[in-house]
């Protein structure tokens, strides 16, 4: 379950399954990728956003919570960053 070369963002969401609110398949995939595949590099100063690197193609990926007003930060999004963007935001060389 690697990230395809043409993918630039994985946007998770929460859905109501008739009984409760659950993660959709993209959210589950994000959890799998950050737990089993991507290499964690750095967390930003506020502790919410995290930079990862794909060990296959060396692309940078940022895990963010775009709906931070939601309990627990809401569903996660994994977005590709250029090397320059990653270096600027996460202060590394």
C-alpha atoms as a PDB file:
ATOM      1  CA  UNK A   1       0.000   0.000   0.000  1.00  0.00           C
ATOM      2  CA  UNK A   2       2.599   2.536  -1.113  1.00  0.00           C
ATOM      3  CA  UNK A   3       1.882   6.044  -2.330  1.00  0.00           C
ATOM      4  CA  UNK A   4       1.475   6.251  -6.101  1.00  0.00           C
ATOM      5  CA  UNK A   5       3.756   8.622  -8.025  1.00  0.00           C
ATOM      6  CA  UNK A   6       0.834  10.734  -9.233  1.00  0.00           C
ATOM      7  CA  UNK A   7      -0.665  11.210  -5.766  1.00  0.00           C
ATOM      8  CA  UNK A   8      -0.061  14.585  -4.133  1.00  0.00           C
ATOM      9  CA  UNK A   9      -2.635  14.559  -1.327  1.00  0.00           C
ATOM     10  CA  UNK A  10      -4.589  12.037   0.689  1.00  0.00           C
ATOM     11  CA  UNK A  11      -7.531  13.722   2.384  1.00  0.00           C
ATOM     12  CA  UNK A  12      -9.225  11.683   5.062  1.00  0.00           C
ATOM     13  CA  UNK A  13     -12.714  12.213   6.372  1.00  0.00           C
ATOM     14  CA  UNK A  14     -15.072  10.888   8.973  1.00  0.00           C
ATOM     15  CA  UNK A  15     -18.364   9.313   7.940  1.00  0.00           C
ATOM     16  CA  UNK A  16     -21.463   8.208   9.804  1.00  0.00           C
ATOM     17  CA  UNK A  17     -21.993   4.474   9.319  1.00  0.00           C
ATOM     18  CA  UNK A  18     -25.540   4.504  10.689  1.00  0.00           C
ATOM     19  CA  UNK A  19     -24.412   3.976  14.272  1.00  0.00           C
ATOM     20  CA  UNK A  20     -21.305   6.060  14.830  1.00  0.00           C
ATOM     21  CA  UNK A  21     -18.759   8.312  13.173  1.00  0.00           C
ATOM     22  CA  UNK A  22     -15.850   6.302  11.718  1.00  0.00           C
ATOM     23  CA  UNK A  23     -12.789   6.926   9.573  1.00  0.00           C
ATOM     24  CA  UNK A  24     -13.163   6.503   5.833  1.00  0.00           C
ATOM     25  CA  UNK A  25     -10.815   4.290   3.798  1.00  0.00           C
ATOM     26  CA  UNK A  26      -8.454   7.183   3.029  1.00  0.00           C
ATOM     27  CA  UNK A  27      -8.068   7.964   6.752  1.00  0.00           C
ATOM     28  CA  UNK A  28      -7.314   4.317   7.416  1.00  0.00           C
ATOM     29  CA  UNK A  29      -4.749   4.351   4.616  1.00  0.00           C
ATOM     30  CA  UNK A  30      -3.082   7.457   6.084  1.00  0.00           C
ATOM     31  CA  UNK A  31      -2.796   5.710   9.463  1.00  0.00           C
ATOM     32  CA  UNK A  32      -1.269   2.662   7.786  1.00  0.00           C
ATOM     33  CA  UNK A  33       1.244   4.744   5.827  1.00  0.00           C
ATOM     34  CA  UNK A  34       2.479   6.764   8.813  1.00  0.00           C
ATOM     35  CA  UNK A  35       2.665   3.675  11.027  1.00  0.00           C
ATOM     36  CA  UNK A  36       4.186   1.192   8.580  1.00  0.00           C
ATOM     37  CA  UNK A  37       5.724   2.848   5.563  1.00  0.00           C
ATOM     38  CA  UNK A  38       6.689   6.526   5.734  1.00  0.00           C
ATOM     39  CA  UNK A  39       9.741   7.607   7.739  1.00  0.00           C
ATOM     40  CA  UNK A  40       9.003  10.251  10.377  1.00  0.00           C
ATOM     41  CA  UNK A  41      11.497  13.117  10.203  1.00  0.00           C
ATOM     42  CA  UNK A  42      10.273  15.999  12.314  1.00  0.00           C
ATOM     43  CA  UNK A  43       7.289  17.562  14.076  1.00  0.00           C
ATOM     44  CA  UNK A  44       6.648  21.291  13.801  1.00  0.00           C
ATOM     45  CA  UNK A  45       6.843  23.712  16.725  1.00  0.00           C
ATOM     46  CA  UNK A  46       3.152  23.465  17.619  1.00  0.00           C
ATOM     47  CA  UNK A  47       3.301  19.666  17.733  1.00  0.00           C
ATOM     48  CA  UNK A  48       0.400  19.112  15.326  1.00  0.00           C
ATOM     49  CA  UNK A  49       2.040  18.837  11.904  1.00  0.00           C
ATOM     50  CA  UNK A  50       4.579  16.141  11.110  1.00  0.00           C
ATOM     51  CA  UNK A  51       7.022  15.723   8.234  1.00  0.00           C
ATOM     52  CA  UNK A  52       7.580  12.274   6.724  1.00  0.00           C
ATOM     53  CA  UNK A  53       9.670  10.945   3.857  1.00  0.00           C
ATOM     54  CA  UNK A  54       8.748   8.220   1.413  1.00  0.00           C
ATOM     55  CA  UNK A  55      11.634   5.708   1.436  1.00  0.00           C
ATOM     56  CA  UNK A  56      10.918   4.636  -2.137  1.00  0.00           C
ATOM     57  CA  UNK A  57      10.925   7.933  -4.036  1.00  0.00           C
ATOM     58  CA  UNK A  58      12.261  10.310  -1.319  1.00  0.00           C
ATOM     59  CA  UNK A  59       9.281  12.634  -1.564  1.00  0.00           C
ATOM     60  CA  UNK A  60       8.357  14.633   1.527  1.00  0.00           C
ATOM     61  CA  UNK A  61       4.889  14.303   3.034  1.00  0.00           C
ATOM     62  CA  UNK A  62       3.278  16.471   5.685  1.00  0.00           C
ATOM     63  CA  UNK A  63       0.604  15.151   8.016  1.00  0.00           C
ATOM     64  CA  UNK A  64      -1.795  17.957   8.925  1.00  0.00           C
ATOM     65  CA  UNK A  65      -5.156  18.433  10.623  1.00  0.00           C
ATOM     66  CA  UNK A  66      -7.040  20.931   8.429  1.00  0.00           C
ATOM     67  CA  UNK A  67     -10.150  20.879  10.656  1.00  0.00           C
ATOM     68  CA  UNK A  68      -8.390  21.606  13.942  1.00  0.00           C
ATOM     69  CA  UNK A  69     -11.600  22.983  15.460  1.00  0.00           C
ATOM     70  CA  UNK A  70     -13.007  19.424  15.490  1.00  0.00           C
ATOM     71  CA  UNK A  71     -12.467  17.210  18.544  1.00  0.00           C
ATOM     72  CA  UNK A  72      -9.029  15.555  18.365  1.00  0.00           C
ATOM     73  CA  UNK A  73      -8.020  17.681  15.386  1.00  0.00           C
ATOM     74  CA  UNK A  74     -10.460  16.054  12.989  1.00  0.00           C
ATOM     75  CA  UNK A  75      -9.524  13.784  10.109  1.00  0.00           C
ATOM     76  CA  UNK A  76      -5.941  13.847   8.884  1.00  0.00           C
ATOM     77  CA  UNK A  77      -4.559  14.949   5.533  1.00  0.00           C
ATOM     78  CA  UNK A  78      -1.257  13.826   4.059  1.00  0.00           C
ATOM     79  CA  UNK A  79       0.142  16.319   1.530  1.00  0.00           C
ATOM     80  CA  UNK A  80       3.242  16.170  -0.632  1.00  0.00           C
ATOM     81  CA  UNK A  81       5.771  18.970  -0.078  1.00  0.00           C
ATOM     82  CA  UNK A  82       8.665  19.961  -2.271  1.00  0.00           C
ATOM     83  CA  UNK A  83      12.096  19.655  -0.709  1.00  0.00           C
ATOM     84  CA  UNK A  84      12.306  23.460  -0.466  1.00  0.00           C
ATOM     85  CA  UNK A  85       8.917  23.687   1.267  1.00  0.00           C
ATOM     86  CA  UNK A  86       9.898  20.958   3.733  1.00  0.00           C
ATOM     87  CA  UNK A  87      13.240  22.597   4.537  1.00  0.00           C
ATOM     88  CA  UNK A  88      11.673  26.014   5.040  1.00  0.00           C
ATOM     89  CA  UNK A  89       8.775  24.868   7.217  1.00  0.00           C
ATOM     90  CA  UNK A  90      10.707  22.304   9.293  1.00  0.00           C
ATOM     91  CA  UNK A  91      14.048  24.154   9.457  1.00  0.00           C
ATOM     92  CA  UNK A  92      16.489  21.511   8.287  1.00  0.00           C
ATOM     93  CA  UNK A  93      19.164  21.212   5.596  1.00  0.00           C
END
